[in-house]
Structures are given as C-alpha cells and as structure tokens.
C-alpha cells in the first residue's frame, strides 16, 4: 500500500511538472492557442448540447484588446442559463490569459479578430 501512495505522489509531481513546462512553452499557431484556451473550459452543470462562440482580439503580449463578444449562442433554458454559459466561457478565456506567444505568432496576432466555440458534451 505504501508503494501505491508513493507512486501516486510521484505521478502527480511529474504531471504537475509537465503542466508547468507546457504552460511556459510559447504557442506557435492558432491551433495551439485554441487548444490552450479550451483546456481552461469547464461547461456549466446541466448544459448538455450547448455552445457559445466568442469573438476577441489579442495584443502581442497575449492579453485581450477588449472584452470578448458573443457572436452565437445555443443554450437551452432561460436568459439566466444563457448568461451563465456565456459567463463560464468568458471566465475560461480570461483564466488562461496571458498566453505565452512565440515571437512570430505575437507579431502577426495583434489586432486580428478570432472566434472560438465553447461546447458542452453532447448527449
């Protein structure tokens, strides 16, 4: 039993170290940017088959130029449910910032408008 606990602690330490290294590595393309942002996403409870698309622009330092804008939303429920979903997507976006961008990506990213769809699991 002691070996299992020690192994688990070592595995957790290695995973944490890998995550820190991955965060520090600069992103080289928009696919990597999208994957990094979606890694921060946790859909609200009871929001199956829902999605929201946010539109936003980055500065060269990996922060946003302004607040993201909702460009499309598909959420069952009332206005409160839709607002909660949009707030969760916006929080995920903000929680990931600033992004570490490679010099070449940072040079070309500034001011361009990007969109990203945040989805809940489909049932």
Protein backbone atom coordinates (compact mmCIF):
# COMPACT_ATOMS: atom_id res chain seq x y z
CA UNK A 1 0.00 0.00 0.00
CA UNK A 2 2.86 2.36 0.75
CA UNK A 3 4.30 1.79 -2.72
CA UNK A 4 0.99 2.78 -4.32
CA UNK A 5 0.84 6.02 -2.36
CA UNK A 6 4.47 6.86 -3.22
CA UNK A 7 3.90 6.03 -6.90
CA UNK A 8 0.78 8.21 -6.98
CA UNK A 9 2.65 11.12 -5.39
CA UNK A 10 5.48 10.75 -7.92
CA UNK A 11 3.00 10.56 -10.81
CA UNK A 12 1.20 13.70 -9.62
CA UNK A 13 4.52 15.54 -9.25
CA UNK A 14 5.57 14.53 -12.77
CA UNK A 15 2.23 15.60 -14.24
CA UNK A 16 2.41 18.96 -12.44
CA UNK A 17 5.93 19.47 -13.73
CA UNK A 18 4.82 18.65 -17.28
CA UNK A 19 1.91 21.09 -16.99
CA UNK A 20 4.19 23.90 -15.82
CA UNK A 21 6.59 23.20 -18.69
CA UNK A 22 3.72 23.11 -21.18
CA UNK A 23 2.41 26.45 -19.90
CA UNK A 24 5.83 28.04 -20.24
CA UNK A 25 6.33 26.87 -23.84
CA UNK A 26 5.30 29.61 -26.26
CA UNK A 27 2.40 28.89 -28.58
CA UNK A 28 3.32 28.80 -32.26
CA UNK A 29 -0.01 28.78 -34.08
CA UNK A 30 -3.71 29.41 -33.73
CA UNK A 31 -4.49 25.70 -33.32
CA UNK A 32 -2.26 25.72 -30.24
CA UNK A 33 -3.93 28.92 -29.00
CA UNK A 34 -7.39 27.35 -29.37
CA UNK A 35 -6.30 24.16 -27.61
CA UNK A 36 -4.75 26.17 -24.75
CA UNK A 37 -7.92 28.22 -24.30
CA UNK A 38 -10.23 25.21 -24.43
CA UNK A 39 -8.07 23.46 -21.82
CA UNK A 40 -9.35 26.07 -19.34
CA UNK A 41 -13.01 25.44 -20.25
CA UNK A 42 -15.42 23.77 -17.86
CA UNK A 43 -19.03 23.90 -19.06
CA UNK A 44 -21.69 24.79 -16.50
CA UNK A 45 -23.62 21.92 -14.96
CA UNK A 46 -26.71 20.70 -16.84
CA UNK A 47 -25.72 22.40 -20.09
CA UNK A 48 -25.55 19.39 -22.42
CA UNK A 49 -25.74 20.12 -26.16
CA UNK A 50 -24.96 23.80 -25.61
CA UNK A 51 -22.43 26.10 -27.24
CA UNK A 52 -21.34 29.71 -27.36
CA UNK A 53 -18.99 31.37 -29.82
CA UNK A 54 -16.89 34.26 -28.61
CA UNK A 55 -15.08 36.77 -30.80
CA UNK A 56 -11.97 38.53 -29.48
CA UNK A 57 -8.60 40.04 -30.37
CA UNK A 58 -5.19 39.68 -28.77
CA UNK A 59 -2.40 42.09 -28.06
CA UNK A 60 1.16 40.96 -28.74
CA UNK A 61 1.63 40.26 -25.02
CA UNK A 62 -1.04 37.52 -25.07
CA UNK A 63 -3.78 39.55 -23.36
CA UNK A 64 -7.07 40.65 -24.90
CA UNK A 65 -7.54 44.03 -26.55
CA UNK A 66 -11.03 44.29 -25.07
CA UNK A 67 -13.78 42.09 -23.70
CA UNK A 68 -14.89 39.14 -25.85
CA UNK A 69 -18.17 39.45 -27.73
CA UNK A 70 -20.77 36.72 -28.06
CA UNK A 71 -21.35 36.02 -31.75
CA UNK A 72 -23.51 32.89 -31.47
CA UNK A 73 -25.21 31.01 -28.66
CA UNK A 74 -27.19 27.80 -28.40
CA UNK A 75 -28.24 27.14 -24.81
CA UNK A 76 -31.49 25.58 -23.66
CA UNK A 77 -33.25 27.41 -20.89
CA UNK A 78 -33.94 30.96 -19.91
CA UNK A 79 -31.84 34.14 -20.08
CA UNK A 80 -30.21 33.21 -16.76
CA UNK A 81 -28.97 29.89 -18.22
CA UNK A 82 -27.63 31.63 -21.33
CA UNK A 83 -25.88 34.28 -19.24
CA UNK A 84 -24.31 31.60 -17.01
CA UNK A 85 -22.98 29.80 -20.10
CA UNK A 86 -21.54 32.98 -21.61
CA UNK A 87 -20.01 33.92 -18.25
CA UNK A 88 -18.38 30.48 -17.96
CA UNK A 89 -16.85 30.75 -21.45
CA UNK A 90 -15.62 34.28 -20.76
CA UNK A 91 -14.13 33.12 -17.44
CA UNK A 92 -12.33 30.24 -19.18
CA UNK A 93 -10.87 32.68 -21.68
CA UNK A 94 -9.74 35.13 -19.00
CA UNK A 95 -8.37 32.38 -16.72
CA UNK A 96 -5.96 31.29 -19.47
CA UNK A 97 -4.51 34.73 -20.08
CA UNK A 98 -1.97 35.97 -20.71
CA UNK A 99 -0.95 33.43 -23.31
CA UNK A 100 2.71 32.84 -23.96
CA UNK A 101 3.06 33.53 -27.69
CA UNK A 102 6.09 32.80 -29.83
CA UNK A 103 7.67 35.95 -31.29
CA UNK A 104 6.42 35.15 -34.80
CA UNK A 105 2.85 34.49 -33.61
CA UNK A 106 2.86 37.60 -31.41
CA UNK A 107 3.96 39.68 -34.40
CA UNK A 108 1.05 38.53 -36.57
CA UNK A 109 -1.71 38.11 -33.99
CA UNK A 110 -2.17 41.67 -32.76
CA UNK A 111 -5.50 43.22 -33.69
CA UNK A 112 -6.84 40.28 -35.70
CA UNK A 113 -10.31 39.09 -34.74
CA UNK A 114 -10.60 35.45 -33.75
CA UNK A 115 -13.59 33.30 -32.86
CA UNK A 116 -13.71 30.25 -30.64
CA UNK A 117 -16.65 27.97 -29.92
CA UNK A 118 -17.06 26.61 -26.39
CA UNK A 119 -19.14 23.40 -26.38
CA UNK A 120 -20.74 21.19 -23.77
CA UNK A 121 -20.80 17.43 -24.12
CA UNK A 122 -23.49 16.13 -26.48
CA UNK A 123 -25.95 13.60 -25.13
